[in-house]
N, C-alpha and C. Protein backbone atom coordinates (compact mmCIF):
# COMPACT_ATOMS: atom_id res chain seq x y z
N MET A 1 135.88 108.42 138.37
CA MET A 1 135.31 107.54 137.37
C MET A 1 134.07 108.20 136.77
N MET A 2 133.99 108.17 135.46
CA MET A 2 132.86 108.75 134.75
C MET A 2 131.63 107.85 134.92
N ASN A 3 130.49 108.46 135.17
CA ASN A 3 129.26 107.70 135.24
C ASN A 3 128.30 108.17 134.14
N THR A 4 127.22 107.44 133.95
CA THR A 4 126.27 107.72 132.87
C THR A 4 125.70 109.13 132.98
N LYS A 5 125.34 109.55 134.17
CA LYS A 5 124.74 110.87 134.37
C LYS A 5 125.71 111.99 133.95
N THR A 6 126.96 111.85 134.34
CA THR A 6 127.97 112.85 133.99
C THR A 6 128.19 112.89 132.48
N ILE A 7 128.31 111.72 131.86
CA ILE A 7 128.53 111.67 130.41
C ILE A 7 127.31 112.23 129.67
N ASP A 8 126.11 111.92 130.14
CA ASP A 8 124.89 112.48 129.54
C ASP A 8 124.94 114.01 129.56
N ALA A 9 125.32 114.59 130.69
CA ALA A 9 125.38 116.05 130.83
C ALA A 9 126.43 116.64 129.89
N ILE A 10 127.58 115.99 129.80
CA ILE A 10 128.65 116.47 128.93
C ILE A 10 128.22 116.39 127.46
N ARG A 11 127.60 115.28 127.07
CA ARG A 11 127.12 115.14 125.69
C ARG A 11 126.07 116.20 125.37
N HIS A 12 125.21 116.49 126.34
CA HIS A 12 124.16 117.49 126.13
C HIS A 12 124.77 118.89 125.92
N THR A 13 125.81 119.19 126.68
CA THR A 13 126.49 120.49 126.56
C THR A 13 127.27 120.57 125.25
N GLY A 14 127.90 119.48 124.85
CA GLY A 14 128.64 119.43 123.59
C GLY A 14 130.09 119.84 123.72
N GLU A 15 130.75 119.85 122.58
CA GLU A 15 132.18 120.21 122.56
C GLU A 15 132.34 121.68 122.90
N ASN A 16 133.46 121.96 123.57
CA ASN A 16 133.79 123.34 123.93
C ASN A 16 135.28 123.42 124.21
N ILE A 17 135.71 124.46 124.89
CA ILE A 17 137.14 124.64 125.14
C ILE A 17 137.73 123.51 125.98
N GLY A 18 136.90 122.80 126.75
CA GLY A 18 137.40 121.75 127.62
C GLY A 18 136.84 120.37 127.36
N VAL A 19 136.09 120.19 126.25
CA VAL A 19 135.50 118.89 125.92
C VAL A 19 135.67 118.63 124.44
N GLU A 20 136.12 117.43 124.11
CA GLU A 20 136.28 117.03 122.70
C GLU A 20 135.78 115.60 122.53
N PHE A 21 134.99 115.37 121.49
CA PHE A 21 134.53 114.04 121.12
C PHE A 21 135.32 113.58 119.89
N LYS A 22 135.75 112.33 119.90
CA LYS A 22 136.50 111.76 118.78
C LYS A 22 135.87 110.43 118.38
N ARG A 23 135.64 110.25 117.11
CA ARG A 23 134.96 109.07 116.57
C ARG A 23 135.69 107.77 116.91
N CYS A 24 136.93 107.62 116.51
CA CYS A 24 137.79 106.49 116.87
C CYS A 24 137.26 105.14 116.42
N GLY A 25 136.65 105.05 115.27
CA GLY A 25 136.13 103.78 114.79
C GLY A 25 137.21 102.77 114.45
N ASN A 26 138.25 103.21 113.77
CA ASN A 26 139.32 102.31 113.34
C ASN A 26 140.65 102.65 114.01
N GLY A 27 140.62 103.18 115.19
CA GLY A 27 141.83 103.54 115.89
C GLY A 27 141.88 105.03 116.16
N ILE A 28 142.94 105.44 116.81
CA ILE A 28 143.11 106.85 117.20
C ILE A 28 143.68 107.63 116.03
N HIS A 29 143.04 108.74 115.71
CA HIS A 29 143.53 109.62 114.65
C HIS A 29 144.51 110.64 115.24
N SER A 30 145.41 111.15 114.43
CA SER A 30 146.44 112.07 114.94
C SER A 30 145.83 113.35 115.51
N ASP A 31 144.65 113.75 115.02
CA ASP A 31 144.06 114.97 115.56
C ASP A 31 143.66 114.81 117.03
N THR A 32 143.56 113.58 117.51
CA THR A 32 143.31 113.35 118.94
C THR A 32 144.50 113.88 119.74
N PHE A 33 145.70 113.65 119.25
CA PHE A 33 146.89 114.11 119.97
C PHE A 33 147.11 115.61 119.79
N GLU A 34 146.60 116.18 118.73
CA GLU A 34 146.61 117.64 118.60
C GLU A 34 145.75 118.24 119.71
N THR A 35 144.61 117.61 119.97
CA THR A 35 143.73 118.07 121.05
C THR A 35 144.38 117.86 122.41
N ILE A 36 145.01 116.71 122.61
CA ILE A 36 145.73 116.45 123.87
C ILE A 36 146.74 117.56 124.12
N CYS A 37 147.53 117.86 123.09
CA CYS A 37 148.55 118.90 123.19
C CYS A 37 147.91 120.25 123.51
N ALA A 38 146.83 120.59 122.82
CA ALA A 38 146.14 121.86 123.05
C ALA A 38 145.59 121.94 124.48
N PHE A 39 144.98 120.84 124.97
CA PHE A 39 144.47 120.82 126.34
C PHE A 39 145.60 120.99 127.35
N LEU A 40 146.72 120.28 127.14
CA LEU A 40 147.86 120.42 128.05
C LEU A 40 148.35 121.86 128.09
N ASN A 41 148.33 122.52 126.94
CA ASN A 41 148.85 123.89 126.84
C ASN A 41 147.85 124.95 127.29
N ARG A 42 146.60 124.59 127.46
CA ARG A 42 145.57 125.57 127.83
C ARG A 42 145.05 125.28 129.24
N PHE A 43 143.80 124.87 129.37
CA PHE A 43 143.18 124.68 130.68
C PHE A 43 142.92 123.22 131.02
N GLY A 44 143.36 122.30 130.15
CA GLY A 44 143.02 120.90 130.35
C GLY A 44 141.65 120.61 129.77
N GLY A 45 141.20 119.36 129.92
CA GLY A 45 139.89 119.02 129.40
C GLY A 45 139.65 117.51 129.39
N ASP A 46 138.54 117.14 128.79
CA ASP A 46 138.12 115.74 128.71
C ASP A 46 137.93 115.36 127.25
N ILE A 47 138.51 114.23 126.87
CA ILE A 47 138.36 113.69 125.53
C ILE A 47 137.60 112.37 125.65
N PHE A 48 136.64 112.19 124.76
CA PHE A 48 135.85 110.97 124.73
C PHE A 48 136.02 110.31 123.37
N LEU A 49 136.70 109.16 123.36
CA LEU A 49 136.86 108.39 122.13
C LEU A 49 135.65 107.49 121.98
N GLY A 50 135.07 107.49 120.78
CA GLY A 50 133.88 106.68 120.52
C GLY A 50 132.60 107.50 120.54
N ILE A 51 132.74 108.83 120.55
CA ILE A 51 131.59 109.73 120.48
C ILE A 51 131.84 110.69 119.31
N GLU A 52 130.83 110.84 118.46
CA GLU A 52 130.92 111.72 117.28
C GLU A 52 130.88 113.19 117.70
N ASN A 53 131.28 114.09 116.80
CA ASN A 53 131.29 115.53 117.09
C ASN A 53 129.93 116.05 117.56
N ASP A 54 128.85 115.45 117.04
CA ASP A 54 127.52 115.91 117.42
C ASP A 54 127.01 115.26 118.71
N GLY A 55 127.82 114.44 119.36
CA GLY A 55 127.44 113.80 120.61
C GLY A 55 126.87 112.40 120.45
N THR A 56 126.71 111.94 119.21
CA THR A 56 126.21 110.59 118.97
C THR A 56 127.24 109.57 119.43
N VAL A 57 126.79 108.56 120.17
CA VAL A 57 127.69 107.53 120.66
C VAL A 57 127.83 106.45 119.60
N SER A 58 129.00 106.42 118.95
CA SER A 58 129.26 105.40 117.94
C SER A 58 129.98 104.21 118.58
N GLY A 59 130.72 104.46 119.64
CA GLY A 59 131.41 103.41 120.36
C GLY A 59 132.70 102.96 119.68
N ILE A 60 133.43 102.14 120.38
CA ILE A 60 134.65 101.53 119.88
C ILE A 60 134.40 100.03 119.90
N PRO A 61 134.68 99.33 118.79
CA PRO A 61 134.44 97.88 118.80
C PRO A 61 135.13 97.21 119.99
N GLU A 62 134.39 96.32 120.65
CA GLU A 62 134.88 95.67 121.87
C GLU A 62 136.23 94.99 121.67
N ASN A 63 136.42 94.38 120.50
CA ASN A 63 137.67 93.65 120.26
C ASN A 63 138.86 94.57 119.99
N THR A 64 138.64 95.88 119.88
CA THR A 64 139.75 96.81 119.64
C THR A 64 140.00 97.78 120.79
N VAL A 65 139.15 97.77 121.81
CA VAL A 65 139.29 98.73 122.91
C VAL A 65 140.66 98.65 123.56
N ASP A 66 141.11 97.46 123.90
CA ASP A 66 142.42 97.31 124.56
C ASP A 66 143.55 97.82 123.68
N SER A 67 143.51 97.51 122.39
CA SER A 67 144.59 97.97 121.51
C SER A 67 144.54 99.49 121.32
N VAL A 68 143.35 100.09 121.33
CA VAL A 68 143.23 101.54 121.24
C VAL A 68 143.89 102.18 122.45
N VAL A 69 143.60 101.66 123.64
CA VAL A 69 144.18 102.21 124.87
C VAL A 69 145.70 102.02 124.87
N LYS A 70 146.17 100.83 124.51
CA LYS A 70 147.62 100.58 124.48
C LYS A 70 148.32 101.49 123.47
N ASN A 71 147.71 101.68 122.31
CA ASN A 71 148.29 102.56 121.29
C ASN A 71 148.33 104.01 121.78
N PHE A 72 147.27 104.43 122.45
CA PHE A 72 147.24 105.78 123.01
C PHE A 72 148.40 105.98 123.98
N ILE A 73 148.56 105.04 124.91
CA ILE A 73 149.64 105.14 125.91
C ILE A 73 151.01 105.13 125.24
N LYS A 74 151.16 104.30 124.22
CA LYS A 74 152.43 104.23 123.50
C LYS A 74 152.78 105.58 122.87
N ILE A 75 151.84 106.19 122.20
CA ILE A 75 152.09 107.48 121.54
C ILE A 75 152.32 108.58 122.58
N ALA A 76 151.53 108.60 123.66
CA ALA A 76 151.66 109.63 124.70
C ALA A 76 153.01 109.56 125.40
N ASN A 77 153.65 108.39 125.36
CA ASN A 77 154.95 108.23 126.01
C ASN A 77 156.12 108.20 125.03
N ASP A 78 155.87 108.57 123.79
CA ASP A 78 156.91 108.62 122.77
C ASP A 78 157.33 110.08 122.58
N PRO A 79 158.54 110.46 123.01
CA PRO A 79 158.97 111.85 122.90
C PRO A 79 159.10 112.35 121.46
N ASN A 80 159.13 111.44 120.49
CA ASN A 80 159.13 111.86 119.08
C ASN A 80 157.73 112.23 118.61
N GLN A 81 156.72 111.86 119.39
CA GLN A 81 155.33 112.20 119.07
C GLN A 81 154.85 113.36 119.95
N LEU A 82 154.79 113.13 121.26
CA LEU A 82 154.34 114.15 122.22
C LEU A 82 155.53 114.53 123.09
N SER A 83 155.86 115.81 123.06
CA SER A 83 157.04 116.26 123.78
C SER A 83 156.73 117.54 124.57
N PRO A 84 157.02 117.59 125.87
CA PRO A 84 157.45 116.44 126.65
C PRO A 84 156.30 115.44 126.81
N THR A 85 156.67 114.21 127.07
CA THR A 85 155.65 113.17 127.24
C THR A 85 154.83 113.47 128.50
N PHE A 86 153.71 112.78 128.62
CA PHE A 86 152.82 113.02 129.76
C PHE A 86 152.15 111.71 130.13
N TYR A 87 151.89 111.51 131.40
CA TYR A 87 151.27 110.28 131.89
C TYR A 87 149.75 110.46 131.94
N PHE A 88 149.04 109.59 131.25
CA PHE A 88 147.58 109.61 131.23
C PHE A 88 147.05 108.27 131.74
N MET A 89 145.81 108.30 132.21
CA MET A 89 145.13 107.08 132.65
C MET A 89 143.79 106.98 131.91
N PRO A 90 143.80 106.50 130.67
CA PRO A 90 142.53 106.36 129.93
C PRO A 90 141.58 105.42 130.67
N GLU A 91 140.31 105.77 130.66
CA GLU A 91 139.29 104.99 131.36
C GLU A 91 138.30 104.44 130.34
N THR A 92 138.19 103.12 130.28
CA THR A 92 137.21 102.49 129.40
C THR A 92 135.87 102.46 130.13
N VAL A 93 134.82 102.92 129.44
CA VAL A 93 133.49 103.01 130.03
C VAL A 93 132.50 102.29 129.11
N PHE A 94 131.63 101.47 129.69
CA PHE A 94 130.54 100.86 128.93
C PHE A 94 129.35 101.78 129.10
N TYR A 95 128.99 102.47 128.02
CA TYR A 95 127.99 103.54 128.08
C TYR A 95 126.94 103.34 126.99
N LYS A 96 125.70 103.24 127.40
CA LYS A 96 124.58 103.08 126.47
C LYS A 96 124.80 101.90 125.52
N GLY A 97 125.35 100.81 126.08
CA GLY A 97 125.55 99.59 125.31
C GLY A 97 126.78 99.59 124.41
N LYS A 98 127.64 100.60 124.56
CA LYS A 98 128.83 100.69 123.71
C LYS A 98 130.05 101.03 124.57
N HIS A 99 131.21 100.67 124.05
CA HIS A 99 132.46 100.98 124.73
C HIS A 99 132.96 102.34 124.25
N ILE A 100 133.32 103.19 125.20
CA ILE A 100 133.98 104.45 124.90
C ILE A 100 135.20 104.56 125.82
N VAL A 101 136.09 105.48 125.49
CA VAL A 101 137.26 105.71 126.33
C VAL A 101 137.28 107.18 126.71
N HIS A 102 137.39 107.44 128.01
CA HIS A 102 137.49 108.80 128.53
C HIS A 102 138.94 109.06 128.91
N ILE A 103 139.45 110.20 128.46
CA ILE A 103 140.81 110.61 128.81
C ILE A 103 140.73 112.00 129.44
N TYR A 104 141.10 112.08 130.71
CA TYR A 104 141.19 113.37 131.37
C TYR A 104 142.58 113.93 131.11
N VAL A 105 142.62 115.17 130.63
CA VAL A 105 143.89 115.84 130.34
C VAL A 105 143.99 117.07 131.26
N PRO A 106 144.92 117.07 132.20
CA PRO A 106 145.06 118.25 133.06
C PRO A 106 145.83 119.36 132.35
N GLN A 107 145.75 120.54 132.89
CA GLN A 107 146.58 121.64 132.41
C GLN A 107 148.01 121.34 132.84
N SER A 108 148.96 121.58 131.96
CA SER A 108 150.36 121.31 132.27
C SER A 108 151.13 122.61 132.49
N SER A 109 152.17 122.53 133.27
CA SER A 109 153.03 123.70 133.47
C SER A 109 154.09 123.81 132.38
N ASN A 110 154.17 122.79 131.50
CA ASN A 110 155.12 122.82 130.38
C ASN A 110 154.41 123.23 129.09
N VAL A 111 155.20 123.60 128.10
CA VAL A 111 154.67 123.81 126.75
C VAL A 111 154.88 122.50 126.00
N HIS A 112 153.80 121.93 125.49
CA HIS A 112 153.85 120.63 124.82
C HIS A 112 153.72 120.81 123.31
N ARG A 113 154.31 119.85 122.60
CA ARG A 113 154.23 119.81 121.14
C ARG A 113 153.87 118.40 120.71
N PHE A 114 153.09 118.32 119.64
CA PHE A 114 152.81 117.03 119.02
C PHE A 114 153.45 117.05 117.65
N LYS A 115 154.34 116.10 117.41
CA LYS A 115 155.12 116.04 116.17
C LYS A 115 155.79 117.38 115.89
N ASN A 116 156.34 117.95 116.95
CA ASN A 116 157.10 119.19 116.93
C ASN A 116 156.26 120.43 116.58
N VAL A 117 154.95 120.34 116.71
CA VAL A 117 154.05 121.47 116.48
C VAL A 117 153.33 121.77 117.79
N CYS A 118 153.30 123.04 118.15
CA CYS A 118 152.61 123.47 119.36
C CYS A 118 151.15 123.78 119.02
N TYR A 119 150.22 123.33 119.87
CA TYR A 119 148.80 123.58 119.67
C TYR A 119 148.21 124.27 120.89
N ASP A 120 147.20 125.10 120.63
CA ASP A 120 146.46 125.76 121.69
C ASP A 120 144.98 125.49 121.45
N ARG A 121 144.17 125.66 122.47
CA ARG A 121 142.73 125.41 122.36
C ARG A 121 142.02 126.75 122.31
N VAL A 122 141.23 126.96 121.25
CA VAL A 122 140.42 128.15 121.11
C VAL A 122 138.99 127.69 120.85
N ASP A 123 138.10 127.99 121.78
CA ASP A 123 136.71 127.52 121.75
C ASP A 123 136.71 126.00 121.63
N ASP A 124 136.26 125.44 120.51
CA ASP A 124 136.28 123.97 120.38
C ASP A 124 137.23 123.53 119.28
N ALA A 125 138.25 124.35 119.02
CA ALA A 125 139.20 124.05 117.94
C ALA A 125 140.63 124.01 118.48
N ASP A 126 141.44 123.17 117.83
CA ASP A 126 142.86 123.08 118.13
C ASP A 126 143.60 123.91 117.08
N VAL A 127 144.38 124.88 117.54
CA VAL A 127 145.02 125.83 116.65
C VAL A 127 146.52 125.68 116.73
N LYS A 128 147.17 125.59 115.55
CA LYS A 128 148.63 125.53 115.50
C LYS A 128 149.18 126.89 115.91
N ILE A 129 150.20 126.85 116.77
CA ILE A 129 150.85 128.07 117.22
C ILE A 129 152.30 128.04 116.74
N SER A 130 152.68 129.04 115.97
CA SER A 130 154.06 129.07 115.49
C SER A 130 154.81 130.31 115.97
N ASN A 131 154.09 131.33 116.37
CA ASN A 131 154.69 132.57 116.84
C ASN A 131 155.12 132.39 118.29
N THR A 132 156.38 132.63 118.57
CA THR A 132 156.90 132.42 119.93
C THR A 132 156.21 133.32 120.96
N GLU A 133 155.72 134.47 120.55
CA GLU A 133 154.99 135.34 121.47
C GLU A 133 153.70 134.68 121.92
N HIS A 134 153.03 133.98 121.01
CA HIS A 134 151.80 133.29 121.37
C HIS A 134 152.08 132.10 122.29
N ILE A 135 153.19 131.44 122.07
CA ILE A 135 153.55 130.29 122.91
C ILE A 135 153.82 130.78 124.33
N ALA A 136 154.48 131.91 124.47
CA ALA A 136 154.76 132.46 125.80
C ALA A 136 153.48 132.82 126.51
């Protein structure tokens, strides 16, 4: 379980090959799943929904947190979206007076695709991979 001290340290360090912040004000954006795919294909990592790229905590509106988590799980388990599918356990955290969602993404032994596109993680960016040599 994420605690305030750990989140403070991660926010201070910022985004990198294993950490991504996503705004998530009006729901989950598709680039969140590009990052999920890249993390699965690389070393894994931590995604924080409700935190801006610069580490500012914008939060997720309290009345939408449950639907954000349910929508995340729905997409993660849809083989037409994320293939192969993967089981995640999003964690809702009340942090600095706001709701955020932490998603731990482990490294996978499979090659994953989001909407039939393979992604890899390079520094703090998700990169489309189309060359089969790079996928290998």
